[in-house]
Amino acid sequence: MSVVLVVSRTQMANGVCVGAIDENSGELVRLHNDRGANLPADAPYQIGDRWNVNMQTSWRVRPRPHIEDKDTTFISLINNVGINGIKQYINTHHLGNRLVSGDISNAFEGCLHFEGTKNYINRDRIPGFSTQFWITDRDLIHCVSFGKHYYKYGNHRIKFVGFQECVERIPAGTIIRLSLANWWDGDGSGEDRCYLQLSGWYL
């Protein structure tokens, strides 16, 4: 049995993506149901929850960089430590290269390409993971384009895919959770890419 700390809930076309930290190992994980499928929108996991779960590497685990998929059966809710509890865990546990700070180019092992609103990795360089915490070195400013929410980092716009209520400004020094979307030829270029997403922050 493992104890997981839920750190994000993000929107998917067919359910919800729940990110967590395995408190036993410090591993960043993505929770699926016990059959390896995406969680439904009414899955009980909420940000800040600590759960006892049975968990194993998903039999449907995707190729790099999406190594975090876990098949999970929830057993019992322990408590909810809130945003401050998540910040405390991140600040007091060694997460290695899963926590970076400074310029966003430091994220995902330096593999990101930046093209304004299109920030992505391709198969030329693939990081060893698809979720990471980042301490931003400058304010992120909220904006909306074609009904979708983004945060501006300098000349870059990062799509926000979480359920948190948007704030106008995420100040420098805030811990951000970043993620990479599934491989996808989003612009018909013939090249599969994993696009950068902002999935949560901890103020």
Protein backbone atom coordinates (compact mmCIF):
# COMPACT_ATOMS: atom_id res chain seq x y z
CA MET A 1 0.00 0.00 0.00
CA SER A 2 1.16 3.54 -0.80
CA VAL A 3 0.29 7.01 0.41
CA VAL A 4 -0.17 9.56 -2.37
CA LEU A 5 -0.46 13.33 -2.11
CA VAL A 6 -2.68 14.74 -4.87
CA VAL A 7 -1.08 17.81 -6.47
CA SER A 8 -3.16 18.43 -9.60
CA ARG A 9 -6.41 17.78 -11.44
CA THR A 10 -6.44 18.65 -15.13
CA GLN A 11 -9.05 18.53 -17.82
CA MET A 12 -9.16 15.80 -20.45
CA ALA A 13 -11.58 15.13 -23.28
CA ASN A 14 -12.65 11.85 -21.68
CA GLY A 15 -12.18 12.31 -17.94
CA VAL A 16 -9.74 13.90 -15.56
CA CYS A 17 -5.97 13.57 -15.16
CA VAL A 18 -4.86 13.41 -11.52
CA GLY A 19 -1.23 14.04 -10.64
CA ALA A 20 0.23 12.99 -7.31
CA ILE A 21 3.41 12.35 -5.35
CA ASP A 22 4.07 8.89 -3.91
CA GLU A 23 5.06 9.84 -0.36
CA ASN A 24 6.83 6.49 0.11
CA SER A 25 9.29 7.10 -2.72
CA GLY A 26 8.96 10.78 -3.72
CA GLU A 27 8.03 9.63 -7.22
CA LEU A 28 5.73 11.83 -9.30
CA VAL A 29 2.82 9.71 -10.53
CA ARG A 30 -0.31 10.01 -12.65
CA LEU A 31 -3.31 8.07 -11.29
CA HIS A 32 -5.39 5.80 -13.51
CA ASN A 33 -8.11 3.42 -12.37
CA ASP A 34 -7.40 -0.22 -11.56
CA ARG A 35 -7.87 -1.19 -15.24
CA GLY A 36 -5.40 1.35 -16.57
CA ALA A 37 -8.05 3.73 -17.91
CA ASN A 38 -8.37 7.47 -17.39
CA LEU A 39 -10.24 8.53 -14.28
CA PRO A 40 -13.82 9.82 -14.67
CA ALA A 41 -14.58 13.46 -13.92
CA ASP A 42 -16.21 12.48 -10.61
CA ALA A 43 -13.11 10.65 -9.32
CA PRO A 44 -12.79 11.41 -5.59
CA TYR A 45 -9.22 12.72 -5.63
CA GLN A 46 -8.95 16.44 -4.81
CA ILE A 47 -5.89 18.70 -4.68
CA GLY A 48 -4.25 18.41 -1.27
CA ASP A 49 -5.78 15.00 -0.50
CA ARG A 50 -3.63 12.26 1.00
CA TRP A 51 -4.91 8.78 0.14
CA ASN A 52 -4.02 5.23 1.01
CA VAL A 53 -3.99 3.40 -2.32
CA ASN A 54 -2.89 0.19 -3.94
CA MET A 55 -0.75 1.23 -6.89
CA GLN A 56 1.39 -0.38 -9.55
CA THR A 57 2.94 0.68 -12.84
CA SER A 58 0.17 0.69 -15.42
CA TRP A 59 -0.02 -2.22 -17.79
CA ARG A 60 -0.86 0.43 -20.40
CA VAL A 61 2.07 2.67 -19.53
CA ARG A 62 2.89 4.96 -22.41
CA PRO A 63 6.32 5.47 -23.97
CA ARG A 64 8.65 8.24 -22.82
CA PRO A 65 8.20 10.83 -21.62
CA HIS A 66 4.90 9.66 -20.08
CA ILE A 67 6.40 7.29 -17.54
CA GLU A 68 4.22 8.30 -14.57
CA ASP A 69 1.07 6.23 -15.28
CA LYS A 70 -0.08 4.06 -12.35
CA ASP A 71 -3.03 1.70 -12.04
CA THR A 72 -4.64 2.58 -8.72
CA THR A 73 -7.29 1.35 -6.33
CA PHE A 74 -8.15 3.88 -3.65
CA ILE A 75 -8.57 2.51 -0.14
CA SER A 76 -9.15 5.42 2.22
CA LEU A 77 -8.79 9.18 2.48
CA ILE A 78 -6.32 10.15 5.20
CA ASN A 79 -6.73 13.96 5.24
CA ASN A 80 -6.41 17.06 3.10
CA VAL A 81 -3.34 19.22 3.70
CA GLY A 82 -4.30 21.95 1.22
CA ILE A 83 -2.00 24.07 -0.92
CA ASN A 84 0.27 24.87 2.04
CA GLY A 85 0.76 21.17 2.70
CA ILE A 86 1.80 20.59 -0.91
CA LYS A 87 4.24 23.51 -0.75
CA GLN A 88 5.69 22.19 2.49
CA TYR A 89 6.19 18.72 1.02
CA ILE A 90 7.92 20.09 -2.10
CA ASN A 91 10.12 22.42 -0.06
CA THR A 92 11.20 19.79 2.45
CA HIS A 93 11.74 16.72 0.25
CA HIS A 94 14.44 16.11 -2.30
CA LEU A 95 12.77 15.80 -5.71
CA GLY A 96 15.96 15.88 -7.77
CA ASN A 97 15.45 16.97 -11.35
CA ARG A 98 11.67 16.96 -10.90
CA LEU A 99 12.00 20.45 -9.34
CA VAL A 100 13.77 23.19 -11.29
CA SER A 101 13.94 26.96 -10.95
CA GLY A 102 14.88 29.95 -13.08
CA ASP A 103 14.20 30.34 -16.77
CA ILE A 104 11.60 27.97 -18.19
CA SER A 105 14.17 26.66 -20.66
CA ASN A 106 15.57 24.72 -17.68
CA ALA A 107 12.41 22.60 -17.55
CA PHE A 108 12.20 19.06 -18.94
CA GLU A 109 15.96 18.63 -19.16
CA GLY A 110 16.32 21.49 -21.65
CA CYS A 111 14.38 19.61 -24.33
CA LEU A 112 11.65 22.21 -24.92
CA HIS A 113 11.22 24.15 -28.16
CA PHE A 114 9.60 27.58 -27.84
CA GLU A 115 7.50 29.07 -30.62
CA GLY A 116 5.23 31.62 -28.93
CA THR A 117 2.07 29.69 -28.12
CA LYS A 118 3.55 26.43 -29.39
CA ASN A 119 5.97 25.18 -26.77
CA TYR A 120 6.77 21.51 -27.13
CA ILE A 121 9.19 18.62 -27.29
CA ASN A 122 9.65 16.48 -30.38
CA ARG A 123 11.34 13.17 -30.97
CA ASP A 124 14.75 14.77 -31.51
CA ARG A 125 15.17 15.10 -27.73
CA ILE A 126 12.84 13.41 -25.26
CA PRO A 127 13.11 14.06 -21.51
CA GLY A 128 12.88 11.20 -19.06
CA PHE A 129 9.53 12.32 -17.61
CA SER A 130 6.40 14.32 -18.46
CA THR A 131 5.59 16.12 -15.19
CA GLN A 132 7.76 18.53 -13.26
CA PHE A 133 7.64 21.33 -10.68
CA TRP A 134 9.12 24.67 -11.66
CA ILE A 135 9.80 27.77 -9.54
CA THR A 136 9.22 30.64 -11.94
CA ASP A 137 11.74 33.48 -12.11
CA ARG A 138 9.21 36.04 -13.32
CA ASP A 139 5.52 36.85 -13.04
CA LEU A 140 3.10 34.88 -15.21
CA ILE A 141 0.20 36.93 -16.57
CA HIS A 142 -3.20 35.46 -17.34
CA CYS A 143 -4.72 35.90 -20.79
CA VAL A 144 -7.55 34.35 -22.80
CA SER A 145 -7.44 33.47 -26.48
CA PHE A 146 -10.32 31.87 -28.38
CA GLY A 147 -11.91 30.88 -25.08
CA LYS A 148 -8.81 29.09 -23.76
CA HIS A 149 -6.77 30.17 -20.77
CA TYR A 150 -3.03 30.85 -20.98
CA TYR A 151 -0.29 32.34 -18.84
CA LYS A 152 2.25 34.59 -20.47
CA TYR A 153 5.90 34.09 -19.59
CA GLY A 154 7.77 36.78 -21.47
CA ASN A 155 6.96 36.17 -25.14
CA HIS A 156 5.71 32.64 -24.47
CA ARG A 157 2.15 31.57 -23.70
CA ILE A 158 1.56 28.38 -21.76
CA LYS A 159 -1.86 26.76 -21.93
CA PHE A 160 -3.58 26.25 -18.58
CA VAL A 161 -5.46 22.94 -18.31
CA GLY A 162 -6.32 22.77 -14.61
CA PHE A 163 -9.53 23.36 -12.69
CA GLN A 164 -8.22 26.09 -10.39
CA GLU A 165 -9.85 29.49 -10.60
CA CYS A 166 -7.56 31.64 -12.72
CA VAL A 167 -5.68 34.49 -11.08
CA GLU A 168 -4.53 37.51 -13.04
CA ARG A 169 -0.90 37.16 -11.96
CA ILE A 170 1.18 34.28 -10.65
CA PRO A 171 4.14 36.01 -8.96
CA ALA A 172 7.78 35.12 -9.45
CA GLY A 173 8.95 32.55 -6.93
CA THR A 174 5.73 30.51 -7.11
CA ILE A 175 5.92 26.73 -7.46
CA ILE A 176 4.25 25.72 -10.75
CA ARG A 177 3.34 22.25 -11.96
CA LEU A 178 4.14 21.69 -15.63
CA SER A 179 3.15 18.73 -17.76
CA LEU A 180 3.54 17.49 -21.32
CA ALA A 181 0.48 16.49 -23.32
CA ASN A 182 0.26 13.23 -25.27
CA TRP A 183 2.14 12.84 -28.54
CA TRP A 184 0.07 14.61 -31.18
CA ASP A 185 0.44 16.11 -34.64
CA GLY A 186 -1.55 19.17 -33.62
CA ASP A 187 -0.82 21.41 -36.59
CA GLY A 188 -0.80 18.83 -39.39
CA SER A 189 2.94 19.25 -39.89
CA GLY A 190 3.52 15.51 -39.94
CA GLU A 191 5.56 15.72 -36.72
CA ASP A 192 4.26 14.34 -33.44
CA ARG A 193 4.89 16.65 -30.50
CA CYS A 194 4.14 16.81 -26.78
CA TYR A 195 2.95 20.33 -25.99
CA LEU A 196 3.78 22.12 -22.75
CA GLN A 197 0.92 22.68 -20.30
CA LEU A 198 0.54 24.53 -17.03
CA SER A 199 -1.48 22.29 -14.77
CA GLY A 200 -1.43 24.11 -11.44
CA TRP A 201 0.28 26.50 -9.04
CA TYR A 202 0.71 26.74 -5.28
CA LEU A 203 0.21 30.23 -3.87
